[in-house]
Amino acid sequence: MNNPTTASIVTQANTTDGEILTVQEVARFLRVPKSTVYKLARVGELPASKIGKHWRFLRRDIHDWMHSRSQAA
């Protein structure tokens, strides 16, 4: 039987947390139009980095942002 160890689960979670997402991936995750993601990133509400003309997002930041919004409501 192949059970993952706690260390491998933590490592896997850390790798996923640092994953870089595109606008399309964030829109799919949040279930909103891409235009909403662009707007929220542009006004600084959604944590994002602009690289050239492309927006990029860290999965961990998007999760934290969602968590903070659900606590504020």
N, C-alpha and C. Protein backbone atom coordinates (compact mmCIF):
# COMPACT_ATOMS: atom_id res chain seq x y z
N MET A 1 0.84 -1.18 0.00
CA MET A 1 0.00 0.00 0.00
C MET A 1 0.88 1.24 0.00
N ASN A 2 0.56 2.21 -0.82
CA ASN A 2 1.40 3.38 -0.99
C ASN A 2 0.73 4.60 -0.35
N ASN A 3 1.05 4.88 0.92
CA ASN A 3 0.49 6.02 1.62
C ASN A 3 1.48 7.17 1.61
N PRO A 4 1.04 8.36 1.25
CA PRO A 4 1.96 9.49 1.27
C PRO A 4 2.30 9.87 2.71
N THR A 5 3.54 10.24 2.92
CA THR A 5 3.96 10.67 4.26
C THR A 5 3.52 12.10 4.48
N THR A 6 3.53 12.51 5.75
CA THR A 6 3.15 13.89 6.09
C THR A 6 4.09 14.87 5.40
N ALA A 7 5.37 14.56 5.37
CA ALA A 7 6.33 15.46 4.74
C ALA A 7 6.03 15.64 3.26
N SER A 8 5.66 14.56 2.57
CA SER A 8 5.38 14.70 1.14
C SER A 8 4.09 15.47 0.91
N ILE A 9 3.12 15.34 1.81
CA ILE A 9 1.88 16.10 1.69
C ILE A 9 2.16 17.58 1.88
N VAL A 10 2.97 17.92 2.89
CA VAL A 10 3.33 19.33 3.15
C VAL A 10 4.11 19.89 1.98
N THR A 11 5.06 19.14 1.45
CA THR A 11 5.84 19.59 0.30
C THR A 11 4.94 19.82 -0.90
N GLN A 12 4.02 18.91 -1.13
CA GLN A 12 3.09 19.03 -2.26
C GLN A 12 2.21 20.27 -2.09
N ALA A 13 1.73 20.53 -0.89
CA ALA A 13 0.89 21.71 -0.62
C ALA A 13 1.69 22.99 -0.84
N ASN A 14 2.94 23.01 -0.37
CA ASN A 14 3.77 24.20 -0.55
C ASN A 14 4.05 24.46 -2.02
N THR A 15 4.25 23.42 -2.80
CA THR A 15 4.48 23.58 -4.23
C THR A 15 3.24 24.14 -4.90
N THR A 16 2.08 23.64 -4.54
CA THR A 16 0.83 24.13 -5.11
C THR A 16 0.57 25.57 -4.70
N ASP A 17 0.84 25.92 -3.43
CA ASP A 17 0.63 27.27 -2.95
C ASP A 17 1.43 28.29 -3.74
N GLY A 18 2.63 27.92 -4.16
CA GLY A 18 3.49 28.83 -4.90
C GLY A 18 3.23 28.83 -6.39
N GLU A 19 2.22 28.07 -6.82
CA GLU A 19 1.90 27.97 -8.24
C GLU A 19 1.45 29.33 -8.78
N ILE A 20 1.94 29.65 -9.95
CA ILE A 20 1.58 30.90 -10.61
C ILE A 20 0.41 30.65 -11.55
N LEU A 21 -0.63 31.47 -11.41
CA LEU A 21 -1.84 31.31 -12.19
C LEU A 21 -2.00 32.45 -13.19
N THR A 22 -2.67 32.16 -14.28
CA THR A 22 -3.00 33.17 -15.29
C THR A 22 -4.37 33.77 -14.98
N VAL A 23 -4.73 34.81 -15.71
CA VAL A 23 -6.06 35.42 -15.56
C VAL A 23 -7.14 34.38 -15.80
N GLN A 24 -6.99 33.60 -16.84
CA GLN A 24 -8.00 32.58 -17.17
C GLN A 24 -8.14 31.56 -16.03
N GLU A 25 -7.03 31.13 -15.45
CA GLU A 25 -7.08 30.16 -14.37
C GLU A 25 -7.74 30.74 -13.12
N VAL A 26 -7.44 32.00 -12.82
CA VAL A 26 -8.06 32.66 -11.66
C VAL A 26 -9.55 32.84 -11.90
N ALA A 27 -9.91 33.25 -13.11
CA ALA A 27 -11.33 33.42 -13.44
C ALA A 27 -12.08 32.10 -13.29
N ARG A 28 -11.49 31.04 -13.75
CA ARG A 28 -12.12 29.71 -13.63
C ARG A 28 -12.24 29.32 -12.16
N PHE A 29 -11.19 29.57 -11.38
CA PHE A 29 -11.19 29.24 -9.96
C PHE A 29 -12.26 30.03 -9.20
N LEU A 30 -12.36 31.33 -9.49
CA LEU A 30 -13.32 32.19 -8.80
C LEU A 30 -14.71 32.13 -9.42
N ARG A 31 -14.80 31.52 -10.59
CA ARG A 31 -16.07 31.41 -11.34
C ARG A 31 -16.65 32.79 -11.65
N VAL A 32 -15.76 33.63 -12.21
CA VAL A 32 -16.14 34.97 -12.65
C VAL A 32 -15.57 35.18 -14.05
N PRO A 33 -16.07 36.18 -14.77
CA PRO A 33 -15.50 36.48 -16.09
C PRO A 33 -14.05 36.99 -15.97
N LYS A 34 -13.27 36.77 -17.02
CA LYS A 34 -11.90 37.28 -17.04
C LYS A 34 -11.87 38.79 -16.84
N SER A 35 -12.87 39.50 -17.37
CA SER A 35 -12.91 40.96 -17.23
C SER A 35 -12.96 41.37 -15.77
N THR A 36 -13.62 40.59 -14.93
CA THR A 36 -13.68 40.89 -13.50
C THR A 36 -12.31 40.72 -12.87
N VAL A 37 -11.59 39.68 -13.25
CA VAL A 37 -10.24 39.45 -12.72
C VAL A 37 -9.33 40.60 -13.13
N TYR A 38 -9.39 41.01 -14.40
CA TYR A 38 -8.57 42.14 -14.86
C TYR A 38 -8.88 43.40 -14.05
N LYS A 39 -10.16 43.68 -13.85
CA LYS A 39 -10.57 44.89 -13.13
C LYS A 39 -10.08 44.85 -11.69
N LEU A 40 -10.30 43.74 -10.99
CA LEU A 40 -9.88 43.62 -9.60
C LEU A 40 -8.37 43.72 -9.46
N ALA A 41 -7.63 43.15 -10.40
CA ALA A 41 -6.16 43.25 -10.38
C ALA A 41 -5.72 44.69 -10.64
N ARG A 42 -6.33 45.33 -11.61
CA ARG A 42 -5.96 46.69 -12.00
C ARG A 42 -6.15 47.69 -10.86
N VAL A 43 -7.26 47.56 -10.11
CA VAL A 43 -7.53 48.50 -9.02
C VAL A 43 -6.84 48.10 -7.72
N GLY A 44 -6.14 46.97 -7.73
CA GLY A 44 -5.36 46.55 -6.57
C GLY A 44 -6.13 45.77 -5.52
N GLU A 45 -7.36 45.37 -5.83
CA GLU A 45 -8.15 44.61 -4.87
C GLU A 45 -7.74 43.14 -4.83
N LEU A 46 -7.38 42.60 -5.97
CA LEU A 46 -6.96 41.21 -6.07
C LEU A 46 -5.43 41.19 -6.12
N PRO A 47 -4.78 40.41 -5.24
CA PRO A 47 -3.32 40.39 -5.23
C PRO A 47 -2.76 39.81 -6.54
N ALA A 48 -1.96 40.61 -7.23
CA ALA A 48 -1.46 40.21 -8.54
C ALA A 48 -0.16 40.93 -8.84
N SER A 49 0.57 40.41 -9.81
CA SER A 49 1.77 41.05 -10.33
C SER A 49 1.63 41.16 -11.83
N LYS A 50 2.06 42.29 -12.34
CA LYS A 50 2.02 42.47 -13.79
C LYS A 50 3.43 42.27 -14.32
N ILE A 51 3.56 41.35 -15.24
CA ILE A 51 4.84 41.06 -15.87
C ILE A 51 4.69 41.43 -17.33
N GLY A 52 5.31 42.55 -17.70
CA GLY A 52 5.07 43.08 -19.04
C GLY A 52 3.62 43.50 -19.12
N LYS A 53 2.89 42.93 -20.05
CA LYS A 53 1.47 43.24 -20.16
C LYS A 53 0.59 42.11 -19.63
N HIS A 54 1.19 41.15 -18.95
CA HIS A 54 0.47 39.98 -18.46
C HIS A 54 0.34 40.00 -16.95
N TRP A 55 -0.86 39.72 -16.45
CA TRP A 55 -1.10 39.60 -15.02
C TRP A 55 -0.82 38.17 -14.59
N ARG A 56 -0.19 38.03 -13.42
CA ARG A 56 0.06 36.71 -12.84
C ARG A 56 -0.32 36.75 -11.36
N PHE A 57 -0.75 35.60 -10.84
CA PHE A 57 -1.28 35.48 -9.50
C PHE A 57 -0.68 34.27 -8.82
N LEU A 58 -0.38 34.38 -7.53
CA LEU A 58 0.04 33.22 -6.76
C LEU A 58 -1.19 32.55 -6.17
N ARG A 59 -1.27 31.24 -6.33
CA ARG A 59 -2.43 30.50 -5.83
C ARG A 59 -2.65 30.79 -4.34
N ARG A 60 -1.58 30.82 -3.56
CA ARG A 60 -1.67 31.07 -2.12
C ARG A 60 -2.32 32.43 -1.85
N ASP A 61 -1.93 33.46 -2.62
CA ASP A 61 -2.49 34.80 -2.43
C ASP A 61 -3.99 34.83 -2.75
N ILE A 62 -4.40 34.10 -3.77
CA ILE A 62 -5.81 34.05 -4.14
C ILE A 62 -6.61 33.34 -3.04
N HIS A 63 -6.06 32.25 -2.51
CA HIS A 63 -6.73 31.55 -1.41
C HIS A 63 -6.85 32.45 -0.18
N ASP A 64 -5.76 33.15 0.16
CA ASP A 64 -5.77 34.06 1.31
C ASP A 64 -6.77 35.19 1.10
N TRP A 65 -6.81 35.72 -0.12
CA TRP A 65 -7.75 36.81 -0.44
C TRP A 65 -9.18 36.34 -0.27
N MET A 66 -9.49 35.15 -0.78
CA MET A 66 -10.84 34.60 -0.64
C MET A 66 -11.18 34.38 0.83
N HIS A 67 -10.24 33.85 1.59
CA HIS A 67 -10.47 33.59 3.01
C HIS A 67 -10.74 34.89 3.76
N SER A 68 -9.97 35.93 3.47
CA SER A 68 -10.17 37.22 4.16
C SER A 68 -11.51 37.84 3.79
N ARG A 69 -11.96 37.66 2.56
CA ARG A 69 -13.26 38.20 2.14
C ARG A 69 -14.41 37.46 2.82
N SER A 70 -14.26 36.15 3.00
CA SER A 70 -15.34 35.38 3.62
C SER A 70 -15.45 35.71 5.11
N GLN A 71 -14.34 36.08 5.75
CA GLN A 71 -14.37 36.46 7.17
C GLN A 71 -14.96 37.86 7.34
N ALA A 72 -14.76 38.74 6.37
CA ALA A 72 -15.24 40.11 6.45
C ALA A 72 -16.75 40.20 6.24
N ALA A 73 -17.32 39.23 5.56
CA ALA A 73 -18.76 39.27 5.23
C ALA A 73 -19.63 38.94 6.41
